[in-house]
Amino acid sequence: KIRLSGTPFQIKVWNELKKIPYGKT
């Protein structure tokens, strides 16, 4: 349970980063 704090753009980026599969770039 993490609490994100940032601009709407940053949060959009961070949420997309969470979708990158383990071991992939």
mmCIF file of all heavy atoms, coordinates in Angstrom:
data_MODEL
# 
_entry.id   MODEL 
# 
loop_
_atom_site.group_PDB 
_atom_site.id 
_atom_site.type_symbol 
_atom_site.label_atom_id 
_atom_site.label_alt_id 
_atom_site.label_comp_id 
_atom_site.label_asym_id 
_atom_site.label_entity_id 
_atom_site.label_seq_id 
_atom_site.pdbx_PDB_ins_code 
_atom_site.Cartn_x 
_atom_site.Cartn_y 
_atom_site.Cartn_z 
_atom_site.occupancy 
_atom_site.B_iso_or_equiv 
_atom_site.pdbx_formal_charge 
_atom_site.auth_seq_id 
_atom_site.auth_comp_id 
_atom_site.auth_asym_id 
_atom_site.auth_atom_id 
_atom_site.pdbx_PDB_model_num 
ATOM 1   N N   . LYS A 1 1  ? 0.870  -1.177  0.000   1.00 0.00 ? 1  LYS A N   1 
ATOM 2   C CA  . LYS A 1 1  ? 0.000  0.000   0.000   1.00 0.00 ? 1  LYS A CA  1 
ATOM 3   C C   . LYS A 1 1  ? 0.909  1.228   0.000   1.00 0.00 ? 1  LYS A C   1 
ATOM 4   O O   . LYS A 1 1  ? 1.493  1.562   1.026   1.00 0.00 ? 1  LYS A O   1 
ATOM 5   C CB  . LYS A 1 1  ? -0.914 -0.034  1.215   1.00 0.00 ? 1  LYS A CB  1 
ATOM 6   C CG  . LYS A 1 1  ? -1.980 -1.107  1.114   1.00 0.00 ? 1  LYS A CG  1 
ATOM 7   C CD  . LYS A 1 1  ? -2.755 -1.310  2.401   1.00 0.00 ? 1  LYS A CD  1 
ATOM 8   C CE  . LYS A 1 1  ? -3.455 -0.067  2.865   1.00 0.00 ? 1  LYS A CE  1 
ATOM 9   N NZ  . LYS A 1 1  ? -4.263 -0.310  4.086   1.00 0.00 ? 1  LYS A NZ  1 
ATOM 10  N N   . ILE A 1 2  ? 1.046  1.836   -1.172  1.00 0.00 ? 2  ILE A N   1 
ATOM 11  C CA  . ILE A 1 2  ? 1.894  3.021   -1.287  1.00 0.00 ? 2  ILE A CA  1 
ATOM 12  C C   . ILE A 1 2  ? 1.027  4.253   -1.516  1.00 0.00 ? 2  ILE A C   1 
ATOM 13  O O   . ILE A 1 2  ? -0.054 4.166   -2.094  1.00 0.00 ? 2  ILE A O   1 
ATOM 14  C CB  . ILE A 1 2  ? 2.955  2.873   -2.399  1.00 0.00 ? 2  ILE A CB  1 
ATOM 15  C CG1 . ILE A 1 2  ? 2.318  2.719   -3.774  1.00 0.00 ? 2  ILE A CG1 1 
ATOM 16  C CG2 . ILE A 1 2  ? 3.894  1.715   -2.110  1.00 0.00 ? 2  ILE A CG2 1 
ATOM 17  C CD1 . ILE A 1 2  ? 3.305  2.716   -4.927  1.00 0.00 ? 2  ILE A CD1 1 
ATOM 18  N N   . ARG A 1 3  ? 1.515  5.386   -1.073  1.00 0.00 ? 3  ARG A N   1 
ATOM 19  C CA  . ARG A 1 3  ? 0.800  6.653   -1.231  1.00 0.00 ? 3  ARG A CA  1 
ATOM 20  C C   . ARG A 1 3  ? 1.611  7.527   -2.167  1.00 0.00 ? 3  ARG A C   1 
ATOM 21  O O   . ARG A 1 3  ? 2.664  8.039   -1.798  1.00 0.00 ? 3  ARG A O   1 
ATOM 22  C CB  . ARG A 1 3  ? 0.636  7.292   0.139   1.00 0.00 ? 3  ARG A CB  1 
ATOM 23  C CG  . ARG A 1 3  ? -0.107 8.602   0.186   1.00 0.00 ? 3  ARG A CG  1 
ATOM 24  C CD  . ARG A 1 3  ? -1.556 8.532   -0.246  1.00 0.00 ? 3  ARG A CD  1 
ATOM 25  N NE  . ARG A 1 3  ? -2.405 7.708   0.567   1.00 0.00 ? 3  ARG A NE  1 
ATOM 26  C CZ  . ARG A 1 3  ? -3.303 8.145   1.416   1.00 0.00 ? 3  ARG A CZ  1 
ATOM 27  N NH1 . ARG A 1 3  ? -3.484 9.430   1.590   1.00 0.00 ? 3  ARG A NH1 1 
ATOM 28  N NH2 . ARG A 1 3  ? -4.046 7.311   2.088   1.00 0.00 ? 3  ARG A NH2 1 
ATOM 29  N N   . LEU A 1 4  ? 1.135  7.656   -3.412  1.00 0.00 ? 4  LEU A N   1 
ATOM 30  C CA  . LEU A 1 4  ? 1.818  8.482   -4.408  1.00 0.00 ? 4  LEU A CA  1 
ATOM 31  C C   . LEU A 1 4  ? 1.524  9.953   -4.165  1.00 0.00 ? 4  LEU A C   1 
ATOM 32  O O   . LEU A 1 4  ? 0.395  10.321  -3.831  1.00 0.00 ? 4  LEU A O   1 
ATOM 33  C CB  . LEU A 1 4  ? 1.363  8.104   -5.815  1.00 0.00 ? 4  LEU A CB  1 
ATOM 34  C CG  . LEU A 1 4  ? 1.733  6.723   -6.319  1.00 0.00 ? 4  LEU A CG  1 
ATOM 35  C CD1 . LEU A 1 4  ? 1.137  6.489   -7.700  1.00 0.00 ? 4  LEU A CD1 1 
ATOM 36  C CD2 . LEU A 1 4  ? 3.227  6.530   -6.351  1.00 0.00 ? 4  LEU A CD2 1 
ATOM 37  N N   . SER A 1 5  ? 2.527  10.771  -4.381  1.00 0.00 ? 5  SER A N   1 
ATOM 38  C CA  . SER A 1 5  ? 2.368  12.213  -4.262  1.00 0.00 ? 5  SER A CA  1 
ATOM 39  C C   . SER A 1 5  ? 3.182  12.862  -5.377  1.00 0.00 ? 5  SER A C   1 
ATOM 40  O O   . SER A 1 5  ? 4.407  12.742  -5.405  1.00 0.00 ? 5  SER A O   1 
ATOM 41  C CB  . SER A 1 5  ? 2.875  12.667  -2.888  1.00 0.00 ? 5  SER A CB  1 
ATOM 42  O OG  . SER A 1 5  ? 2.810  14.061  -2.794  1.00 0.00 ? 5  SER A OG  1 
ATOM 43  N N   . GLY A 1 6  ? 2.495  13.506  -6.303  1.00 0.00 ? 6  GLY A N   1 
ATOM 44  C CA  . GLY A 1 6  ? 3.163  14.151  -7.422  1.00 0.00 ? 6  GLY A CA  1 
ATOM 45  C C   . GLY A 1 6  ? 2.148  14.829  -8.321  1.00 0.00 ? 6  GLY A C   1 
ATOM 46  O O   . GLY A 1 6  ? 0.954  14.859  -8.023  1.00 0.00 ? 6  GLY A O   1 
ATOM 47  N N   . THR A 1 7  ? 2.633  15.330  -9.441  1.00 0.00 ? 7  THR A N   1 
ATOM 48  C CA  . THR A 1 7  ? 1.735  15.954  -10.406 1.00 0.00 ? 7  THR A CA  1 
ATOM 49  C C   . THR A 1 7  ? 0.923  14.864  -11.112 1.00 0.00 ? 7  THR A C   1 
ATOM 50  O O   . THR A 1 7  ? 1.332  13.699  -11.120 1.00 0.00 ? 7  THR A O   1 
ATOM 51  C CB  . THR A 1 7  ? 2.524  16.754  -11.461 1.00 0.00 ? 7  THR A CB  1 
ATOM 52  O OG1 . THR A 1 7  ? 3.253  15.830  -12.279 1.00 0.00 ? 7  THR A OG1 1 
ATOM 53  C CG2 . THR A 1 7  ? 3.465  17.770  -10.820 1.00 0.00 ? 7  THR A CG2 1 
ATOM 54  N N   . PRO A 1 8  ? -0.192 15.233  -11.742 1.00 0.00 ? 8  PRO A N   1 
ATOM 55  C CA  . PRO A 1 8  ? -0.962 14.232  -12.489 1.00 0.00 ? 8  PRO A CA  1 
ATOM 56  C C   . PRO A 1 8  ? -0.108 13.526  -13.556 1.00 0.00 ? 8  PRO A C   1 
ATOM 57  O O   . PRO A 1 8  ? -0.228 12.310  -13.746 1.00 0.00 ? 8  PRO A O   1 
ATOM 58  C CB  . PRO A 1 8  ? -2.098 15.042  -13.126 1.00 0.00 ? 8  PRO A CB  1 
ATOM 59  C CG  . PRO A 1 8  ? -2.289 16.196  -12.178 1.00 0.00 ? 8  PRO A CG  1 
ATOM 60  C CD  . PRO A 1 8  ? -0.913 16.523  -11.682 1.00 0.00 ? 8  PRO A CD  1 
ATOM 61  N N   . PHE A 1 9  ? 0.786  14.264  -14.226 1.00 0.00 ? 9  PHE A N   1 
ATOM 62  C CA  . PHE A 1 9  ? 1.663  13.655  -15.233 1.00 0.00 ? 9  PHE A CA  1 
ATOM 63  C C   . PHE A 1 9  ? 2.604  12.638  -14.588 1.00 0.00 ? 9  PHE A C   1 
ATOM 64  O O   . PHE A 1 9  ? 2.769  11.529  -15.083 1.00 0.00 ? 9  PHE A O   1 
ATOM 65  C CB  . PHE A 1 9  ? 2.469  14.731  -15.980 1.00 0.00 ? 9  PHE A CB  1 
ATOM 66  C CG  . PHE A 1 9  ? 3.382  14.172  -17.031 1.00 0.00 ? 9  PHE A CG  1 
ATOM 67  C CD1 . PHE A 1 9  ? 2.906  13.866  -18.299 1.00 0.00 ? 9  PHE A CD1 1 
ATOM 68  C CD2 . PHE A 1 9  ? 4.722  13.927  -16.751 1.00 0.00 ? 9  PHE A CD2 1 
ATOM 69  C CE1 . PHE A 1 9  ? 3.736  13.328  -19.271 1.00 0.00 ? 9  PHE A CE1 1 
ATOM 70  C CE2 . PHE A 1 9  ? 5.569  13.395  -17.714 1.00 0.00 ? 9  PHE A CE2 1 
ATOM 71  C CZ  . PHE A 1 9  ? 5.077  13.099  -18.981 1.00 0.00 ? 9  PHE A CZ  1 
ATOM 72  N N   . GLN A 1 10 ? 3.234  13.020  -13.475 1.00 0.00 ? 10 GLN A N   1 
ATOM 73  C CA  . GLN A 1 10 ? 4.152  12.106  -12.790 1.00 0.00 ? 10 GLN A CA  1 
ATOM 74  C C   . GLN A 1 10 ? 3.433  10.832  -12.363 1.00 0.00 ? 10 GLN A C   1 
ATOM 75  O O   . GLN A 1 10 ? 3.940  9.729   -12.561 1.00 0.00 ? 10 GLN A O   1 
ATOM 76  C CB  . GLN A 1 10 ? 4.768  12.791  -11.563 1.00 0.00 ? 10 GLN A CB  1 
ATOM 77  C CG  . GLN A 1 10 ? 5.766  13.867  -11.911 1.00 0.00 ? 10 GLN A CG  1 
ATOM 78  C CD  . GLN A 1 10 ? 6.172  14.705  -10.700 1.00 0.00 ? 10 GLN A CD  1 
ATOM 79  O OE1 . GLN A 1 10 ? 5.427  14.827  -9.727  1.00 0.00 ? 10 GLN A OE1 1 
ATOM 80  N NE2 . GLN A 1 10 ? 7.345  15.301  -10.782 1.00 0.00 ? 10 GLN A NE2 1 
ATOM 81  N N   . ILE A 1 11 ? 2.255  10.990  -11.799 1.00 0.00 ? 11 ILE A N   1 
ATOM 82  C CA  . ILE A 1 11 ? 1.494  9.823   -11.340 1.00 0.00 ? 11 ILE A CA  1 
ATOM 83  C C   . ILE A 1 11 ? 1.125  8.925   -12.510 1.00 0.00 ? 11 ILE A C   1 
ATOM 84  O O   . ILE A 1 11 ? 1.195  7.697   -12.414 1.00 0.00 ? 11 ILE A O   1 
ATOM 85  C CB  . ILE A 1 11 ? 0.268  10.261  -10.503 1.00 0.00 ? 11 ILE A CB  1 
ATOM 86  C CG1 . ILE A 1 11 ? 0.773  10.870  -9.183  1.00 0.00 ? 11 ILE A CG1 1 
ATOM 87  C CG2 . ILE A 1 11 ? -0.681 9.101   -10.257 1.00 0.00 ? 11 ILE A CG2 1 
ATOM 88  C CD1 . ILE A 1 11 ? -0.279 11.561  -8.347  1.00 0.00 ? 11 ILE A CD1 1 
ATOM 89  N N   . LYS A 1 12 ? 0.811  9.527   -13.637 1.00 0.00 ? 12 LYS A N   1 
ATOM 90  C CA  . LYS A 1 12 ? 0.507  8.746   -14.841 1.00 0.00 ? 12 LYS A CA  1 
ATOM 91  C C   . LYS A 1 12 ? 1.736  7.941   -15.272 1.00 0.00 ? 12 LYS A C   1 
ATOM 92  O O   . LYS A 1 12 ? 1.636  6.748   -15.591 1.00 0.00 ? 12 LYS A O   1 
ATOM 93  C CB  . LYS A 1 12 ? 0.070  9.700   -15.971 1.00 0.00 ? 12 LYS A CB  1 
ATOM 94  C CG  . LYS A 1 12 ? -0.520 9.011   -17.173 1.00 0.00 ? 12 LYS A CG  1 
ATOM 95  C CD  . LYS A 1 12 ? -0.991 10.035  -18.199 1.00 0.00 ? 12 LYS A CD  1 
ATOM 96  C CE  . LYS A 1 12 ? -2.468 10.200  -18.040 1.00 0.00 ? 12 LYS A CE  1 
ATOM 97  N NZ  . LYS A 1 12 ? -3.161 10.643  -19.225 1.00 0.00 ? 12 LYS A NZ  1 
ATOM 98  N N   . VAL A 1 13 ? 2.899  8.573   -15.256 1.00 0.00 ? 13 VAL A N   1 
ATOM 99  C CA  . VAL A 1 13 ? 4.153  7.883   -15.599 1.00 0.00 ? 13 VAL A CA  1 
ATOM 100 C C   . VAL A 1 13 ? 4.413  6.754   -14.613 1.00 0.00 ? 13 VAL A C   1 
ATOM 101 O O   . VAL A 1 13 ? 4.694  5.616   -15.002 1.00 0.00 ? 13 VAL A O   1 
ATOM 102 C CB  . VAL A 1 13 ? 5.350  8.869   -15.645 1.00 0.00 ? 13 VAL A CB  1 
ATOM 103 C CG1 . VAL A 1 13 ? 6.675  8.115   -15.753 1.00 0.00 ? 13 VAL A CG1 1 
ATOM 104 C CG2 . VAL A 1 13 ? 5.209  9.851   -16.794 1.00 0.00 ? 13 VAL A CG2 1 
ATOM 105 N N   . TRP A 1 14 ? 4.340  7.030   -13.331 1.00 0.00 ? 14 TRP A N   1 
ATOM 106 C CA  . TRP A 1 14 ? 4.643  6.023   -12.315 1.00 0.00 ? 14 TRP A CA  1 
ATOM 107 C C   . TRP A 1 14 ? 3.692  4.835   -12.396 1.00 0.00 ? 14 TRP A C   1 
ATOM 108 O O   . TRP A 1 14 ? 4.114  3.693   -12.237 1.00 0.00 ? 14 TRP A O   1 
ATOM 109 C CB  . TRP A 1 14 ? 4.608  6.632   -10.916 1.00 0.00 ? 14 TRP A CB  1 
ATOM 110 C CG  . TRP A 1 14 ? 5.592  7.747   -10.728 1.00 0.00 ? 14 TRP A CG  1 
ATOM 111 C CD1 . TRP A 1 14 ? 6.801  7.911   -11.371 1.00 0.00 ? 14 TRP A CD1 1 
ATOM 112 C CD2 . TRP A 1 14 ? 5.468  8.858   -9.853  1.00 0.00 ? 14 TRP A CD2 1 
ATOM 113 N NE1 . TRP A 1 14 ? 7.413  9.057   -10.938 1.00 0.00 ? 14 TRP A NE1 1 
ATOM 114 C CE2 . TRP A 1 14 ? 6.616  9.663   -10.002 1.00 0.00 ? 14 TRP A CE2 1 
ATOM 115 C CE3 . TRP A 1 14 ? 4.492  9.265   -8.951  1.00 0.00 ? 14 TRP A CE3 1 
ATOM 116 C CZ2 . TRP A 1 14 ? 6.823  10.831  -9.281  1.00 0.00 ? 14 TRP A CZ2 1 
ATOM 117 C CZ3 . TRP A 1 14 ? 4.687  10.431  -8.227  1.00 0.00 ? 14 TRP A CZ3 1 
ATOM 118 C CH2 . TRP A 1 14 ? 5.843  11.199  -8.397  1.00 0.00 ? 14 TRP A CH2 1 
ATOM 119 N N   . ASN A 1 15 ? 2.424  5.098   -12.666 1.00 0.00 ? 15 ASN A N   1 
ATOM 120 C CA  . ASN A 1 15 ? 1.477  3.994   -12.822 1.00 0.00 ? 15 ASN A CA  1 
ATOM 121 C C   . ASN A 1 15 ? 1.813  3.146   -14.046 1.00 0.00 ? 15 ASN A C   1 
ATOM 122 O O   . ASN A 1 15 ? 1.631  1.928   -14.024 1.00 0.00 ? 15 ASN A O   1 
ATOM 123 C CB  . ASN A 1 15 ? 0.039  4.510   -12.874 1.00 0.00 ? 15 ASN A CB  1 
ATOM 124 C CG  . ASN A 1 15 ? -0.474 4.878   -11.490 1.00 0.00 ? 15 ASN A CG  1 
ATOM 125 O OD1 . ASN A 1 15 ? -0.109 4.249   -10.497 1.00 0.00 ? 15 ASN A OD1 1 
ATOM 126 N ND2 . ASN A 1 15 ? -1.308 5.897   -11.415 1.00 0.00 ? 15 ASN A ND2 1 
ATOM 127 N N   . GLU A 1 16 ? 2.317  3.778   -15.085 1.00 0.00 ? 16 GLU A N   1 
ATOM 128 C CA  . GLU A 1 16 ? 2.745  3.025   -16.275 1.00 0.00 ? 16 GLU A CA  1 
ATOM 129 C C   . GLU A 1 16 ? 4.001  2.206   -15.977 1.00 0.00 ? 16 GLU A C   1 
ATOM 130 O O   . GLU A 1 16 ? 4.144  1.075   -16.452 1.00 0.00 ? 16 GLU A O   1 
ATOM 131 C CB  . GLU A 1 16 ? 2.979  3.976   -17.457 1.00 0.00 ? 16 GLU A CB  1 
ATOM 132 C CG  . GLU A 1 16 ? 3.120  3.293   -18.796 1.00 0.00 ? 16 GLU A CG  1 
ATOM 133 C CD  . GLU A 1 16 ? 1.880  2.515   -19.225 1.00 0.00 ? 16 GLU A CD  1 
ATOM 134 O OE1 . GLU A 1 16 ? 0.738  2.957   -18.979 1.00 0.00 ? 16 GLU A OE1 1 
ATOM 135 O OE2 . GLU A 1 16 ? 2.053  1.433   -19.833 1.00 0.00 ? 16 GLU A OE2 1 
ATOM 136 N N   . LEU A 1 17 ? 4.904  2.753   -15.188 1.00 0.00 ? 17 LEU A N   1 
ATOM 137 C CA  . LEU A 1 17 ? 6.122  2.018   -14.826 1.00 0.00 ? 17 LEU A CA  1 
ATOM 138 C C   . LEU A 1 17 ? 5.786  0.730   -14.092 1.00 0.00 ? 17 LEU A C   1 
ATOM 139 O O   . LEU A 1 17 ? 6.457  -0.290  -14.277 1.00 0.00 ? 17 LEU A O   1 
ATOM 140 C CB  . LEU A 1 17 ? 7.030  2.876   -13.934 1.00 0.00 ? 17 LEU A CB  1 
ATOM 141 C CG  . LEU A 1 17 ? 7.608  4.156   -14.517 1.00 0.00 ? 17 LEU A CG  1 
ATOM 142 C CD1 . LEU A 1 17 ? 8.459  4.874   -13.478 1.00 0.00 ? 17 LEU A CD1 1 
ATOM 143 C CD2 . LEU A 1 17 ? 8.409  3.896   -15.773 1.00 0.00 ? 17 LEU A CD2 1 
ATOM 144 N N   . LYS A 1 18 ? 4.739  0.758   -13.261 1.00 0.00 ? 18 LYS A N   1 
ATOM 145 C CA  . LYS A 1 18 ? 4.349  -0.430  -12.508 1.00 0.00 ? 18 LYS A CA  1 
ATOM 146 C C   . LYS A 1 18 ? 3.918  -1.569  -13.424 1.00 0.00 ? 18 LYS A C   1 
ATOM 147 O O   . LYS A 1 18 ? 3.914  -2.722  -13.007 1.00 0.00 ? 18 LYS A O   1 
ATOM 148 C CB  . LYS A 1 18 ? 3.221  -0.101  -11.528 1.00 0.00 ? 18 LYS A CB  1 
ATOM 149 C CG  . LYS A 1 18 ? 3.680  0.782   -10.380 1.00 0.00 ? 18 LYS A CG  1 
ATOM 150 C CD  . LYS A 1 18 ? 2.637  0.867   -9.277  1.00 0.00 ? 18 LYS A CD  1 
ATOM 151 C CE  . LYS A 1 18 ? 1.616  1.919   -9.535  1.00 0.00 ? 18 LYS A CE  1 
ATOM 152 N NZ  . LYS A 1 18 ? 0.636  2.087   -8.455  1.00 0.00 ? 18 LYS A NZ  1 
ATOM 153 N N   . LYS A 1 19 ? 3.589  -1.266  -14.671 1.00 0.00 ? 19 LYS A N   1 
ATOM 154 C CA  . LYS A 1 19 ? 3.151  -2.286  -15.625 1.00 0.00 ? 19 LYS A CA  1 
ATOM 155 C C   . LYS A 1 19 ? 4.310  -2.974  -16.354 1.00 0.00 ? 19 LYS A C   1 
ATOM 156 O O   . LYS A 1 19 ? 4.093  -3.956  -17.042 1.00 0.00 ? 19 LYS A O   1 
ATOM 157 C CB  . LYS A 1 19 ? 2.225  -1.652  -16.670 1.00 0.00 ? 19 LYS A CB  1 
ATOM 158 C CG  . LYS A 1 19 ? 0.942  -1.081  -16.091 1.00 0.00 ? 19 LYS A CG  1 
ATOM 159 C CD  . LYS A 1 19 ? 0.145  -0.379  -17.176 1.00 0.00 ? 19 LYS A CD  1 
ATOM 160 C CE  . LYS A 1 19 ? -1.049 0.354   -16.621 1.00 0.00 ? 19 LYS A CE  1 
ATOM 161 N NZ  . LYS A 1 19 ? -1.745 1.128   -17.675 1.00 0.00 ? 19 LYS A NZ  1 
ATOM 162 N N   . ILE A 1 20 ? 5.527  -2.450  -16.216 1.00 0.00 ? 20 ILE A N   1 
ATOM 163 C CA  . ILE A 1 20 ? 6.674  -3.052  -16.903 1.00 0.00 ? 20 ILE A CA  1 
ATOM 164 C C   . ILE A 1 20 ? 6.964  -4.403  -16.240 1.00 0.00 ? 20 ILE A C   1 
ATOM 165 O O   . ILE A 1 20 ? 7.225  -4.454  -15.037 1.00 0.00 ? 20 ILE A O   1 
ATOM 166 C CB  . ILE A 1 20 ? 7.933  -2.161  -16.838 1.00 0.00 ? 20 ILE A CB  1 
ATOM 167 C CG1 . ILE A 1 20 ? 7.648  -0.758  -17.365 1.00 0.00 ? 20 ILE A CG1 1 
ATOM 168 C CG2 . ILE A 1 20 ? 9.082  -2.806  -17.623 1.00 0.00 ? 20 ILE A CG2 1 
ATOM 169 C CD1 . ILE A 1 20 ? 8.771  0.243   -17.083 1.00 0.00 ? 20 ILE A CD1 1 
ATOM 170 N N   . PRO A 1 21 ? 6.929  -5.478  -17.009 1.00 0.00 ? 21 PRO A N   1 
ATOM 171 C CA  . PRO A 1 21 ? 7.154  -6.800  -16.412 1.00 0.00 ? 21 PRO A CA  1 
ATOM 172 C C   . PRO A 1 21 ? 8.565  -6.957  -15.842 1.00 0.00 ? 21 PRO A C   1 
ATOM 173 O O   . PRO A 1 21 ? 9.535  -6.375  -16.350 1.00 0.00 ? 21 PRO A O   1 
ATOM 174 C CB  . PRO A 1 21 ? 6.948  -7.768  -17.575 1.00 0.00 ? 21 PRO A CB  1 
ATOM 175 C CG  . PRO A 1 21 ? 6.235  -6.995  -18.626 1.00 0.00 ? 21 PRO A CG  1 
ATOM 176 C CD  . PRO A 1 21 ? 6.626  -5.556  -18.430 1.00 0.00 ? 21 PRO A CD  1 
ATOM 177 N N   . TYR A 1 22 ? 8.658  -7.758  -14.816 1.00 0.00 ? 22 TYR A N   1 
ATOM 178 C CA  . TYR A 1 22 ? 9.927  -8.127  -14.197 1.00 0.00 ? 22 TYR A CA  1 
ATOM 179 C C   . TYR A 1 22 ? 10.870 -8.674  -15.265 1.00 0.00 ? 22 TYR A C   1 
ATOM 180 O O   . TYR A 1 22 ? 10.485 -9.492  -16.097 1.00 0.00 ? 22 TYR A O   1 
ATOM 181 C CB  . TYR A 1 22 ? 9.649  -9.208  -13.145 1.00 0.00 ? 22 TYR A CB  1 
ATOM 182 C CG  . TYR A 1 22 ? 10.853 -9.684  -12.380 1.00 0.00 ? 22 TYR A CG  1 
ATOM 183 C CD1 . TYR A 1 22 ? 11.192 -9.114  -11.168 1.00 0.00 ? 22 TYR A CD1 1 
ATOM 184 C CD2 . TYR A 1 22 ? 11.631 -10.737 -12.846 1.00 0.00 ? 22 TYR A CD2 1 
ATOM 185 C CE1 . TYR A 1 22 ? 12.279 -9.569  -10.433 1.00 0.00 ? 22 TYR A CE1 1 
ATOM 186 C CE2 . TYR A 1 22 ? 12.723 -11.195 -12.121 1.00 0.00 ? 22 TYR A CE2 1 
ATOM 187 C CZ  . TYR A 1 22 ? 13.036 -10.605 -10.927 1.00 0.00 ? 22 TYR A CZ  1 
ATOM 188 O OH  . TYR A 1 22 ? 14.112 -11.052 -10.202 1.00 0.00 ? 22 TYR A OH  1 
ATOM 189 N N   . GLY A 1 23 ? 12.100 -8.199  -15.245 1.00 0.00 ? 23 GLY A N   1 
ATOM 190 C CA  . GLY A 1 23 ? 13.106 -8.696  -16.177 1.00 0.00 ? 23 GLY A CA  1 
ATOM 191 C C   . GLY A 1 23 ? 13.047 -8.079  -17.562 1.00 0.00 ? 23 GLY A C   1 
ATOM 192 O O   . GLY A 1 23 ? 13.834 -8.436  -18.437 1.00 0.00 ? 23 GLY A O   1 
ATOM 193 N N   . LYS A 1 24 ? 12.130 -7.157  -17.790 1.00 0.00 ? 24 LYS A N   1 
ATOM 194 C CA  . LYS A 1 24 ? 11.999 -6.488  -19.091 1.00 0.00 ? 24 LYS A CA  1 
ATOM 195 C C   . LYS A 1 24 ? 12.425 -5.034  -18.953 1.00 0.00 ? 24 LYS A C   1 
ATOM 196 O O   . LYS A 1 24 ? 12.376 -4.468  -17.866 1.00 0.00 ? 24 LYS A O   1 
ATOM 197 C CB  . LYS A 1 24 ? 10.547 -6.534  -19.586 1.00 0.00 ? 24 LYS A CB  1 
ATOM 198 C CG  . LYS A 1 24 ? 9.977  -7.912  -19.743 1.00 0.00 ? 24 LYS A CG  1 
ATOM 199 C CD  . LYS A 1 24 ? 10.501 -8.586  -20.970 1.00 0.00 ? 24 LYS A CD  1 
ATOM 200 C CE  . LYS A 1 24 ? 9.811  -9.938  -21.155 1.00 0.00 ? 24 LYS A CE  1 
ATOM 201 N NZ  . LYS A 1 24 ? 10.441 -10.733 -22.146 1.00 0.00 ? 24 LYS A NZ  1 
ATOM 202 N N   . THR A 1 25 ? 12.815 -4.450  -20.067 1.00 0.00 ? 25 THR A N   1 
ATOM 203 C CA  . THR A 1 25 ? 13.114 -3.018  -20.093 1.00 0.00 ? 25 THR A CA  1 
ATOM 204 C C   . THR A 1 25 ? 12.281 -2.368  -21.182 1.00 0.00 ? 25 THR A C   1 
ATOM 205 O O   . THR A 1 25 ? 11.796 -3.032  -22.099 1.00 0.00 ? 25 THR A O   1 
ATOM 206 C CB  . THR A 1 25 ? 14.613 -2.745  -20.345 1.00 0.00 ? 25 THR A CB  1 
ATOM 207 O OG1 . THR A 1 25 ? 15.003 -3.364  -21.576 1.00 0.00 ? 25 THR A OG1 1 
ATOM 208 C CG2 . THR A 1 25 ? 15.474 -3.254  -19.199 1.00 0.00 ? 25 THR A CG2 1 
# 
